[in-house]
All heavy atoms as atom14 arrays in JSON, in Angstrom:
{
  "sequence": "QATWCNPCKAMSSILENVVTDIPIEEVDIDEDRD",
  "atom14_mask": [
    [1, 1, 1, 1, 1, 1, 1, 1, 1, 0, 0, 0, 0, 0],
    [1, 1, 1, 1, 1, 0, 0, 0, 0, 0, 0, 0, 0, 0],
    [1, 1, 1, 1, 1, 1, 1, 0, 0, 0, 0, 0, 0, 0],
    [1, 1, 1, 1, 1, 1, 1, 1, 1, 1, 1, 1, 1, 1],
    [1, 1, 1, 1, 1, 1, 0, 0, 0, 0, 0, 0, 0, 0],
    [1, 1, 1, 1, 1, 1, 1, 1, 0, 0, 0, 0, 0, 0],
    [1, 1, 1, 1, 1, 1, 1, 0, 0, 0, 0, 0, 0, 0],
    [1, 1, 1, 1, 1, 1, 0, 0, 0, 0, 0, 0, 0, 0],
    [1, 1, 1, 1, 1, 1, 1, 1, 1, 0, 0, 0, 0, 0],
    [1, 1, 1, 1, 1, 0, 0, 0, 0, 0, 0, 0, 0, 0],
    [1, 1, 1, 1, 1, 1, 1, 1, 0, 0, 0, 0, 0, 0],
    [1, 1, 1, 1, 1, 1, 0, 0, 0, 0, 0, 0, 0, 0],
    [1, 1, 1, 1, 1, 1, 0, 0, 0, 0, 0, 0, 0, 0],
    [1, 1, 1, 1, 1, 1, 1, 1, 0, 0, 0, 0, 0, 0],
    [1, 1, 1, 1, 1, 1, 1, 1, 0, 0, 0, 0, 0, 0],
    [1, 1, 1, 1, 1, 1, 1, 1, 1, 0, 0, 0, 0, 0],
    [1, 1, 1, 1, 1, 1, 1, 1, 0, 0, 0, 0, 0, 0],
    [1, 1, 1, 1, 1, 1, 1, 0, 0, 0, 0, 0, 0, 0],
    [1, 1, 1, 1, 1, 1, 1, 0, 0, 0, 0, 0, 0, 0],
    [1, 1, 1, 1, 1, 1, 1, 0, 0, 0, 0, 0, 0, 0],
    [1, 1, 1, 1, 1, 1, 1, 1, 0, 0, 0, 0, 0, 0],
    [1, 1, 1, 1, 1, 1, 1, 1, 0, 0, 0, 0, 0, 0],
    [1, 1, 1, 1, 1, 1, 1, 0, 0, 0, 0, 0, 0, 0],
    [1, 1, 1, 1, 1, 1, 1, 1, 0, 0, 0, 0, 0, 0],
    [1, 1, 1, 1, 1, 1, 1, 1, 1, 0, 0, 0, 0, 0],
    [1, 1, 1, 1, 1, 1, 1, 1, 1, 0, 0, 0, 0, 0],
    [1, 1, 1, 1, 1, 1, 1, 0, 0, 0, 0, 0, 0, 0],
    [1, 1, 1, 1, 1, 1, 1, 1, 0, 0, 0, 0, 0, 0],
    [1, 1, 1, 1, 1, 1, 1, 1, 0, 0, 0, 0, 0, 0],
    [1, 1, 1, 1, 1, 1, 1, 1, 0, 0, 0, 0, 0, 0],
    [1, 1, 1, 1, 1, 1, 1, 1, 1, 0, 0, 0, 0, 0],
    [1, 1, 1, 1, 1, 1, 1, 1, 0, 0, 0, 0, 0, 0],
    [1, 1, 1, 1, 1, 1, 1, 1, 1, 1, 1, 0, 0, 0],
    [1, 1, 1, 1, 1, 1, 1, 1, 0, 0, 0, 0, 0, 0]
  ],
  "atom14_positions": [
    [[2.24, -4.79, -0.72], [2.71, -4.47, 0.62], [2.55, -5.69, 1.51], [2.04, -6.71, 1.09], [1.88, -3.32, 1.18], [0.4, -3.68, 1.29], [-0.43, -2.52, 1.77], [0.01, -1.39, 1.83], [-1.67, -2.82, 2.14], [0.0, 0.0, 0.0], [0.0, 0.0, 0.0], [0.0, 0.0, 0.0], [0.0, 0.0, 0.0], [0.0, 0.0, 0.0]],
    [[2.98, -5.54, 2.78], [2.79, -6.57, 3.78], [2.55, -5.89, 5.13], [3.06, -4.78, 5.37], [4.02, -7.47, 3.87], [0.0, 0.0, 0.0], [0.0, 0.0, 0.0], [0.0, 0.0, 0.0], [0.0, 0.0, 0.0], [0.0, 0.0, 0.0], [0.0, 0.0, 0.0], [0.0, 0.0, 0.0], [0.0, 0.0, 0.0], [0.0, 0.0, 0.0]],
    [[1.78, -6.54, 5.98], [1.45, -5.94, 7.28], [2.69, -5.77, 8.16], [2.74, -4.87, 8.98], [0.41, -6.79, 8.03], [0.91, -8.12, 8.15], [-0.91, -6.79, 7.3], [0.0, 0.0, 0.0], [0.0, 0.0, 0.0], [0.0, 0.0, 0.0], [0.0, 0.0, 0.0], [0.0, 0.0, 0.0], [0.0, 0.0, 0.0], [0.0, 0.0, 0.0]],
    [[3.71, -6.6, 7.98], [4.92, -6.56, 8.8], [5.96, -5.58, 8.27], [7.01, -5.39, 8.88], [5.53, -7.97, 8.89], [5.6, -8.66, 7.54], [4.72, -9.57, 7.06], [6.59, -8.48, 6.52], [5.08, -9.98, 5.8], [6.23, -9.32, 5.44], [7.73, -7.7, 6.4], [6.97, -9.41, 4.28], [8.48, -7.79, 5.24], [8.1, -8.63, 4.2]],
    [[5.67, -4.92, 7.17], [6.64, -4.06, 6.46], [6.48, -2.59, 6.89], [5.49, -1.95, 6.55], [6.42, -4.22, 4.96], [7.31, -3.05, 3.93], [0.0, 0.0, 0.0], [0.0, 0.0, 0.0], [0.0, 0.0, 0.0], [0.0, 0.0, 0.0], [0.0, 0.0, 0.0], [0.0, 0.0, 0.0], [0.0, 0.0, 0.0], [0.0, 0.0, 0.0]],
    [[7.47, -2.08, 7.63], [7.42, -0.68, 8.07], [7.48, 0.32, 6.9], [6.75, 1.31, 6.92], [8.48, -0.39, 9.12], [8.11, -1.0, 10.45], [6.93, -1.11, 10.8], [9.1, -1.42, 11.21], [0.0, 0.0, 0.0], [0.0, 0.0, 0.0], [0.0, 0.0, 0.0], [0.0, 0.0, 0.0], [0.0, 0.0, 0.0], [0.0, 0.0, 0.0]],
    [[8.34, 0.12, 5.89], [8.32, 1.04, 4.75], [6.96, 1.05, 4.03], [6.54, 2.09, 3.52], [9.43, 0.51, 3.83], [10.37, -0.17, 4.76], [9.49, -0.8, 5.81], [0.0, 0.0, 0.0], [0.0, 0.0, 0.0], [0.0, 0.0, 0.0], [0.0, 0.0, 0.0], [0.0, 0.0, 0.0], [0.0, 0.0, 0.0], [0.0, 0.0, 0.0]],
    [[6.26, -0.08, 4.04], [4.93, -0.15, 3.43], [3.95, 0.74, 4.19], [3.13, 1.45, 3.59], [4.4, -1.58, 3.42], [5.39, -2.72, 2.46], [0.0, 0.0, 0.0], [0.0, 0.0, 0.0], [0.0, 0.0, 0.0], [0.0, 0.0, 0.0], [0.0, 0.0, 0.0], [0.0, 0.0, 0.0], [0.0, 0.0, 0.0], [0.0, 0.0, 0.0]],
    [[4.05, 0.72, 5.51], [3.18, 1.56, 6.34], [3.47, 3.04, 6.07], [2.56, 3.84, 5.99], [3.38, 1.23, 7.82], [2.9, -0.15, 8.18], [3.27, -0.5, 9.61], [2.96, -1.97, 9.87], [3.42, -2.4, 11.19], [0.0, 0.0, 0.0], [0.0, 0.0, 0.0], [0.0, 0.0, 0.0], [0.0, 0.0, 0.0], [0.0, 0.0, 0.0]],
    [[4.75, 3.37, 5.94], [5.13, 4.76, 5.64], [4.6, 5.18, 4.27], [4.08, 6.29, 4.11], [6.65, 4.92, 5.71], [0.0, 0.0, 0.0], [0.0, 0.0, 0.0], [0.0, 0.0, 0.0], [0.0, 0.0, 0.0], [0.0, 0.0, 0.0], [0.0, 0.0, 0.0], [0.0, 0.0, 0.0], [0.0, 0.0, 0.0], [0.0, 0.0, 0.0]],
    [[4.71, 4.29, 3.28], [4.19, 4.61, 1.94], [2.67, 4.79, 1.98], [2.14, 5.65, 1.28], [4.54, 3.5, 0.94], [5.94, 3.58, 0.39], [6.21, 5.01, -0.68], [5.22, 4.57, -2.08], [0.0, 0.0, 0.0], [0.0, 0.0, 0.0], [0.0, 0.0, 0.0], [0.0, 0.0, 0.0], [0.0, 0.0, 0.0], [0.0, 0.0, 0.0]],
    [[1.98, 4.01, 2.77], [0.53, 4.15, 2.89], [0.16, 5.53, 3.42], [-0.77, 6.16, 2.92], [-0.05, 3.06, 3.8], [0.02, 1.82, 3.16], [0.0, 0.0, 0.0], [0.0, 0.0, 0.0], [0.0, 0.0, 0.0], [0.0, 0.0, 0.0], [0.0, 0.0, 0.0], [0.0, 0.0, 0.0], [0.0, 0.0, 0.0], [0.0, 0.0, 0.0]],
    [[0.91, 6.02, 4.41], [0.6, 7.34, 4.95], [0.93, 8.44, 3.94], [0.22, 9.44, 3.86], [1.3, 7.58, 6.29], [2.69, 7.62, 6.12], [0.0, 0.0, 0.0], [0.0, 0.0, 0.0], [0.0, 0.0, 0.0], [0.0, 0.0, 0.0], [0.0, 0.0, 0.0], [0.0, 0.0, 0.0], [0.0, 0.0, 0.0], [0.0, 0.0, 0.0]],
    [[1.96, 8.25, 3.15], [2.29, 9.22, 2.09], [1.19, 9.21, 1.03], [0.73, 10.26, 0.57], [3.67, 8.92, 1.47], [4.78, 9.2, 2.49], [3.89, 9.73, 0.19], [6.15, 8.72, 2.07], [0.0, 0.0, 0.0], [0.0, 0.0, 0.0], [0.0, 0.0, 0.0], [0.0, 0.0, 0.0], [0.0, 0.0, 0.0], [0.0, 0.0, 0.0]],
    [[0.73, 8.02, 0.65], [-0.33, 7.9, -0.37], [-1.63, 8.56, 0.07], [-2.38, 9.05, -0.77], [-0.58, 6.43, -0.7], [0.37, 5.81, -1.71], [0.22, 4.31, -1.75], [0.14, 6.4, -3.09], [0.0, 0.0, 0.0], [0.0, 0.0, 0.0], [0.0, 0.0, 0.0], [0.0, 0.0, 0.0], [0.0, 0.0, 0.0], [0.0, 0.0, 0.0]],
    [[-1.88, 8.59, 1.37], [-3.1, 9.25, 1.87], [-3.1, 10.74, 1.55], [-4.16, 11.35, 1.46], [-3.23, 9.04, 3.38], [-3.59, 7.63, 3.77], [-3.59, 7.42, 5.27], [-3.41, 8.4, 6.04], [-3.77, 6.27, 5.69], [0.0, 0.0, 0.0], [0.0, 0.0, 0.0], [0.0, 0.0, 0.0], [0.0, 0.0, 0.0], [0.0, 0.0, 0.0]],
    [[-1.91, 11.32, 1.38], [-1.79, 12.76, 1.13], [-1.56, 13.09, -0.34], [-1.3, 14.23, -0.68], [-0.66, 13.33, 1.97], [-0.95, 13.21, 3.45], [-2.03, 13.58, 3.9], [-0.02, 12.66, 4.19], [0.0, 0.0, 0.0], [0.0, 0.0, 0.0], [0.0, 0.0, 0.0], [0.0, 0.0, 0.0], [0.0, 0.0, 0.0], [0.0, 0.0, 0.0]],
    [[-1.63, 12.09, -1.21], [-1.43, 12.3, -2.64], [-2.79, 12.44, -3.31], [-3.69, 11.63, -3.08], [-0.64, 11.13, -3.25], [-0.64, 11.21, -4.76], [0.78, 11.11, -2.72], [0.0, 0.0, 0.0], [0.0, 0.0, 0.0], [0.0, 0.0, 0.0], [0.0, 0.0, 0.0], [0.0, 0.0, 0.0], [0.0, 0.0, 0.0], [0.0, 0.0, 0.0]],
    [[-2.92, 13.47, -4.12], [-4.15, 13.68, -4.87], [-3.94, 13.17, -6.29], [-3.06, 13.64, -7.0], [-4.54, 15.18, -4.89], [-5.79, 15.4, -5.74], [-4.73, 15.7, -3.48], [0.0, 0.0, 0.0], [0.0, 0.0, 0.0], [0.0, 0.0, 0.0], [0.0, 0.0, 0.0], [0.0, 0.0, 0.0], [0.0, 0.0, 0.0], [0.0, 0.0, 0.0]],
    [[-4.74, 12.17, -6.67], [-4.63, 11.6, -8.01], [-5.98, 11.0, -8.41], [-6.76, 10.58, -7.55], [-3.53, 10.51, -8.07], [-3.45, 10.03, -9.41], [-3.8, 9.35, -7.13], [0.0, 0.0, 0.0], [0.0, 0.0, 0.0], [0.0, 0.0, 0.0], [0.0, 0.0, 0.0], [0.0, 0.0, 0.0], [0.0, 0.0, 0.0], [0.0, 0.0, 0.0]],
    [[-6.23, 10.98, -9.71], [-7.42, 10.34, -10.24], [-7.18, 8.87, -10.52], [-8.1, 8.14, -10.88], [-7.87, 11.03, -11.53], [-8.37, 12.44, -11.29], [-8.85, 12.71, -10.17], [-8.29, 13.26, -12.21], [0.0, 0.0, 0.0], [0.0, 0.0, 0.0], [0.0, 0.0, 0.0], [0.0, 0.0, 0.0], [0.0, 0.0, 0.0], [0.0, 0.0, 0.0]],
    [[-5.93, 8.44, -10.38], [-5.57, 7.06, -10.69], [-5.95, 6.17, -9.5], [-5.52, 6.42, -8.37], [-4.06, 6.93, -10.97], [-3.67, 7.8, -12.17], [-3.68, 5.47, -11.21], [-2.17, 7.9, -12.39], [0.0, 0.0, 0.0], [0.0, 0.0, 0.0], [0.0, 0.0, 0.0], [0.0, 0.0, 0.0], [0.0, 0.0, 0.0], [0.0, 0.0, 0.0]],
    [[-6.76, 5.14, -9.73], [-7.09, 4.23, -8.64], [-5.85, 3.46, -8.18], [-5.04, 3.02, -9.0], [-8.13, 3.28, -9.23], [-8.37, 3.7, -10.63], [-7.42, 4.79, -10.98], [0.0, 0.0, 0.0], [0.0, 0.0, 0.0], [0.0, 0.0, 0.0], [0.0, 0.0, 0.0], [0.0, 0.0, 0.0], [0.0, 0.0, 0.0], [0.0, 0.0, 0.0]],
    [[-5.71, 3.32, -6.87], [-4.59, 2.59, -6.28], [-5.17, 1.44, -5.46], [-5.91, 1.66, -4.52], [-3.71, 3.51, -5.42], [-3.14, 4.63, -6.27], [-2.6, 2.7, -4.75], [-2.4, 5.71, -5.52], [0.0, 0.0, 0.0], [0.0, 0.0, 0.0], [0.0, 0.0, 0.0], [0.0, 0.0, 0.0], [0.0, 0.0, 0.0], [0.0, 0.0, 0.0]],
    [[-4.82, 0.23, -5.87], [-5.3, -0.97, -5.2], [-4.18, -1.54, -4.34], [-3.08, -1.77, -4.84], [-5.74, -2.03, -6.2], [-6.93, -1.62, -7.04], [-7.31, -2.69, -8.05], [-6.99, -3.88, -7.86], [-7.94, -2.31, -9.06], [0.0, 0.0, 0.0], [0.0, 0.0, 0.0], [0.0, 0.0, 0.0], [0.0, 0.0, 0.0], [0.0, 0.0, 0.0]],
    [[-4.47, -1.78, -3.07], [-3.48, -2.36, -2.18], [-3.58, -3.88, -2.22], [-4.67, -4.44, -2.17], [-3.67, -1.84, -0.76], [-3.37, -0.36, -0.66], [-3.37, 0.15, 0.78], [-3.79, -0.58, 1.69], [-2.94, 1.29, 0.97], [0.0, 0.0, 0.0], [0.0, 0.0, 0.0], [0.0, 0.0, 0.0], [0.0, 0.0, 0.0], [0.0, 0.0, 0.0]],
    [[-2.42, -4.53, -2.33], [-2.36, -5.98, -2.4], [-1.41, -6.46, -1.31], [-0.23, -6.1, -1.31], [-1.84, -6.47, -3.78], [-1.77, -7.99, -3.82], [-2.69, -5.92, -4.91], [0.0, 0.0, 0.0], [0.0, 0.0, 0.0], [0.0, 0.0, 0.0], [0.0, 0.0, 0.0], [0.0, 0.0, 0.0], [0.0, 0.0, 0.0], [0.0, 0.0, 0.0]],
    [[-1.91, -7.25, -0.38], [-1.08, -7.83, 0.68], [-0.43, -9.08, 0.1], [-1.13, -10.03, -0.29], [-1.93, -8.18, 1.89], [-1.1, -8.63, 3.08], [-0.21, -9.5, 2.9], [-1.33, -8.11, 4.19], [0.0, 0.0, 0.0], [0.0, 0.0, 0.0], [0.0, 0.0, 0.0], [0.0, 0.0, 0.0], [0.0, 0.0, 0.0], [0.0, 0.0, 0.0]],
    [[0.9, -9.09, 0.05], [1.59, -10.21, -0.6], [1.42, -11.53, 0.16], [1.58, -12.59, -0.42], [3.1, -9.91, -0.81], [3.8, -9.69, 0.52], [3.28, -8.74, -1.75], [5.32, -9.72, 0.43], [0.0, 0.0, 0.0], [0.0, 0.0, 0.0], [0.0, 0.0, 0.0], [0.0, 0.0, 0.0], [0.0, 0.0, 0.0], [0.0, 0.0, 0.0]],
    [[1.12, -11.45, 1.45], [0.9, -12.67, 2.22], [-0.49, -13.24, 2.0], [-0.71, -14.44, 2.14], [1.13, -12.41, 3.72], [2.58, -12.06, 4.01], [3.48, -12.66, 3.38], [2.82, -11.19, 4.86], [0.0, 0.0, 0.0], [0.0, 0.0, 0.0], [0.0, 0.0, 0.0], [0.0, 0.0, 0.0], [0.0, 0.0, 0.0], [0.0, 0.0, 0.0]],
    [[-1.45, -12.39, 1.64], [-2.82, -12.83, 1.4], [-3.06, -13.17, -0.07], [-3.94, -13.98, -0.37], [-3.81, -11.76, 1.85], [-3.84, -11.55, 3.34], [-4.81, -10.46, 3.77], [-5.6, -9.99, 2.93], [-4.76, -10.09, 4.94], [0.0, 0.0, 0.0], [0.0, 0.0, 0.0], [0.0, 0.0, 0.0], [0.0, 0.0, 0.0], [0.0, 0.0, 0.0]],
    [[-2.35, -12.54, -0.98], [-2.54, -12.77, -2.41], [-1.2, -13.11, -3.06], [-0.68, -12.36, -3.88], [-3.19, -11.56, -3.07], [-3.82, -11.9, -4.41], [-3.48, -12.97, -4.97], [-4.64, -11.11, -4.88], [0.0, 0.0, 0.0], [0.0, 0.0, 0.0], [0.0, 0.0, 0.0], [0.0, 0.0, 0.0], [0.0, 0.0, 0.0], [0.0, 0.0, 0.0]],
    [[-0.66, -14.24, -2.66], [0.66, -14.66, -3.17], [0.65, -14.89, -4.68], [1.64, -14.64, -5.35], [1.12, -15.92, -2.45], [1.42, -15.69, -1.0], [1.72, -16.98, -0.28], [1.77, -16.72, 1.14], [2.78, -17.04, 1.91], [3.84, -17.65, 1.4], [2.76, -16.76, 3.19], [0.0, 0.0, 0.0], [0.0, 0.0, 0.0], [0.0, 0.0, 0.0]],
    [[-0.48, -15.38, -5.21], [-0.56, -15.65, -6.65], [-0.37, -14.37, -7.46], [0.36, -14.36, -8.45], [-1.9, -16.29, -7.02], [-2.02, -17.72, -6.5], [-0.98, -18.34, -6.19], [-3.16, -18.22, -6.41], [0.0, 0.0, 0.0], [0.0, 0.0, 0.0], [0.0, 0.0, 0.0], [0.0, 0.0, 0.0], [0.0, 0.0, 0.0], [0.0, 0.0, 0.0]]
  ]
}
């Protein structure tokens, strides 16, 4: 994701309401370009 990305923000709010045992790691593409 990226902080400037509105669809990313929307996906984050959807993910907050998803119940799963799978760990989800957020990666900011501007901070972790590699």
